[in-house]
Structure formats: structure tokens, C-alpha cells
Amino acid sequence: MMGLITLESELSGAMLGPALIKGLDKVIHFLIFGVLGWLMARGFSNSSKAYVRRNFSWLIILVAFSFAVLDEVHQSMIPGRSPDVWDWIADVSGIVIFMFWYKKRYPVKN
């Protein structure tokens, strides 16, 4: 998922076209990074390492939040793209909500 997000970030602003609905990009950020949070929760909560299973929420916050920051920094280097704190907020909101949704749906077995 991180690879797909990085590939999409490589697209220039001209290739993405104009935003059809104001704020739709934030919804897309929320959903894409939400899927990332869900997949990370699934992977970390099923780890063979007890430490990872017990602390998977903090690991996701560390790794995924850092990746979201790096994604915004990466976009600053792409013509026609720019970093946006609101995109980052949508990213981390998606990560956290989907992660907690996963935790509620599939409680971790220690």
C-alpha cells in the first residue's frame, strides 16, 4: 500500500487534473491512508512477536504517521504538487479511525 501511495505521489499536478469537488481530495486521503492503517493493524496484530501484537497501535502511529509526513514532503518535490497540512490531517485521521475500527472488529489475542 505504501508503494502505491508513493507511486501516486509521483504524478504531477497536471496529470491529476482539476479537483471536481472541493474537499474531495481530503476524503480520498482519508480513505487511502485508512486502508493503510487497516492493513498495518492486520499485519502487526497477527505478528508472531508478542511485543508487536501488544504494541501494534503505537507502532502504526510511529510508522504510518511518519510515512504520511514523508509523503507530503515528497510531494513538495513534484512539479505541480505541494505539501498540505490538511492532507496530512486527513491521512492520520484515516489511519487512526481504521486502525481502531480493526481493533474493535478483531480484538488482539495475546
Protein backbone atom coordinates (compact mmCIF):
# COMPACT_ATOMS: atom_id res chain seq x y z
CA MET A 1 0.00 0.00 0.00
CA MET A 2 2.86 2.36 0.82
CA GLY A 3 4.32 1.66 -2.62
CA LEU A 4 1.04 2.53 -4.33
CA ILE A 5 0.74 5.74 -2.34
CA THR A 6 4.31 6.69 -3.28
CA LEU A 7 3.65 5.96 -6.97
CA GLU A 8 0.52 8.12 -6.90
CA SER A 9 2.51 10.91 -5.24
CA GLU A 10 4.89 10.83 -8.22
CA LEU A 11 2.13 12.08 -10.53
CA SER A 12 2.40 15.75 -11.36
CA GLY A 13 -0.43 18.11 -10.64
CA ALA A 14 -1.14 18.36 -14.38
CA MET A 15 -1.59 14.58 -14.64
CA LEU A 16 -4.11 14.53 -11.80
CA GLY A 17 -6.36 17.15 -13.36
CA PRO A 18 -8.51 19.72 -11.59
CA ALA A 19 -10.41 18.87 -8.43
CA LEU A 20 -14.05 18.32 -9.37
CA ILE A 21 -15.47 18.77 -5.89
CA LYS A 22 -13.80 20.97 -3.29
CA GLY A 23 -12.51 18.83 -0.43
CA LEU A 24 -12.84 15.52 -2.30
CA ASP A 25 -9.06 15.09 -2.18
CA LYS A 26 -9.25 15.07 1.64
CA VAL A 27 -11.82 12.27 1.55
CA ILE A 28 -9.56 10.32 -0.80
CA HIS A 29 -6.56 10.87 1.51
CA PHE A 30 -8.66 9.70 4.47
CA LEU A 31 -9.77 6.51 2.70
CA ILE A 32 -6.40 5.57 1.18
CA PHE A 33 -4.49 6.07 4.41
CA GLY A 34 -7.34 4.41 6.28
CA VAL A 35 -6.77 1.29 4.21
CA LEU A 36 -3.08 1.56 5.06
CA GLY A 37 -3.95 1.76 8.79
CA TRP A 38 -6.27 -1.26 8.48
CA LEU A 39 -3.64 -3.33 6.67
CA MET A 40 -0.94 -2.38 9.17
CA ALA A 41 -3.27 -3.24 12.07
CA ARG A 42 -3.99 -6.61 10.50
CA GLY A 43 -0.32 -7.33 9.93
CA PHE A 44 1.01 -6.13 13.27
CA SER A 45 -1.80 -7.65 15.35
CA ASN A 46 -1.11 -11.05 13.80
CA SER A 47 2.65 -10.85 14.27
CA SER A 48 4.49 -13.82 15.73
CA LYS A 49 6.19 -11.38 18.12
CA ALA A 50 4.19 -10.77 21.32
CA TYR A 51 5.77 -7.30 21.73
CA VAL A 52 4.49 -6.25 18.30
CA ARG A 53 0.98 -7.63 18.98
CA ARG A 54 0.77 -5.82 22.35
CA ASN A 55 2.03 -2.51 20.99
CA PHE A 56 0.77 -2.54 17.42
CA SER A 57 -1.24 0.68 17.80
CA TRP A 58 1.85 2.66 18.82
CA LEU A 59 3.90 1.04 16.06
CA ILE A 60 1.29 2.02 13.49
CA ILE A 61 1.21 5.57 14.80
CA LEU A 62 5.00 5.78 14.61
CA VAL A 63 5.39 4.22 11.17
CA ALA A 64 2.25 5.40 9.38
CA PHE A 65 2.31 8.97 10.71
CA SER A 66 5.97 9.25 9.68
CA PHE A 67 5.14 7.87 6.25
CA ALA A 68 2.32 10.42 5.88
CA VAL A 69 4.75 13.25 6.69
CA LEU A 70 7.30 11.89 4.23
CA ASP A 71 4.59 11.61 1.57
CA GLU A 72 3.78 15.30 1.96
CA VAL A 73 7.49 16.23 1.85
CA HIS A 74 7.88 14.04 -1.25
CA GLN A 75 5.02 15.89 -2.95
CA SER A 76 6.87 19.18 -2.45
CA MET A 77 9.48 17.88 -4.89
CA ILE A 78 6.97 17.01 -7.65
CA PRO A 79 6.08 19.72 -10.21
CA GLY A 80 2.52 20.94 -9.70
CA ARG A 81 2.21 19.33 -6.26
CA SER A 82 2.65 20.86 -2.84
CA PRO A 83 2.56 19.66 0.76
CA ASP A 84 -0.62 20.40 2.67
CA VAL A 85 -1.10 20.10 6.42
CA TRP A 86 -4.82 19.37 5.83
CA ASP A 87 -3.88 16.39 3.64
CA TRP A 88 -1.69 15.13 6.49
CA ILE A 89 -4.54 15.58 8.96
CA ALA A 90 -6.83 13.59 6.64
CA ASP A 91 -4.11 10.93 6.34
CA VAL A 92 -3.61 10.46 10.08
CA SER A 93 -7.37 10.62 10.73
CA GLY A 94 -7.89 7.76 8.30
CA ILE A 95 -5.04 5.76 9.83
CA VAL A 96 -6.35 6.16 13.39
CA ILE A 97 -10.03 5.57 12.66
CA PHE A 98 -9.44 2.50 10.51
CA MET A 99 -6.92 1.13 13.00
CA PHE A 100 -9.41 1.46 15.87
CA TRP A 101 -12.14 0.03 13.68
CA TYR A 102 -9.91 -3.01 13.08
CA LYS A 103 -9.15 -3.31 16.82
CA LYS A 104 -12.86 -3.26 17.66
CA ARG A 105 -13.74 -5.75 14.93
CA TYR A 106 -10.83 -8.13 15.57
CA PRO A 107 -9.61 -7.99 19.19
CA VAL A 108 -5.95 -8.94 19.55
CA LYS A 109 -5.20 -12.30 21.09
CA ASN A 110 -2.03 -12.15 23.18
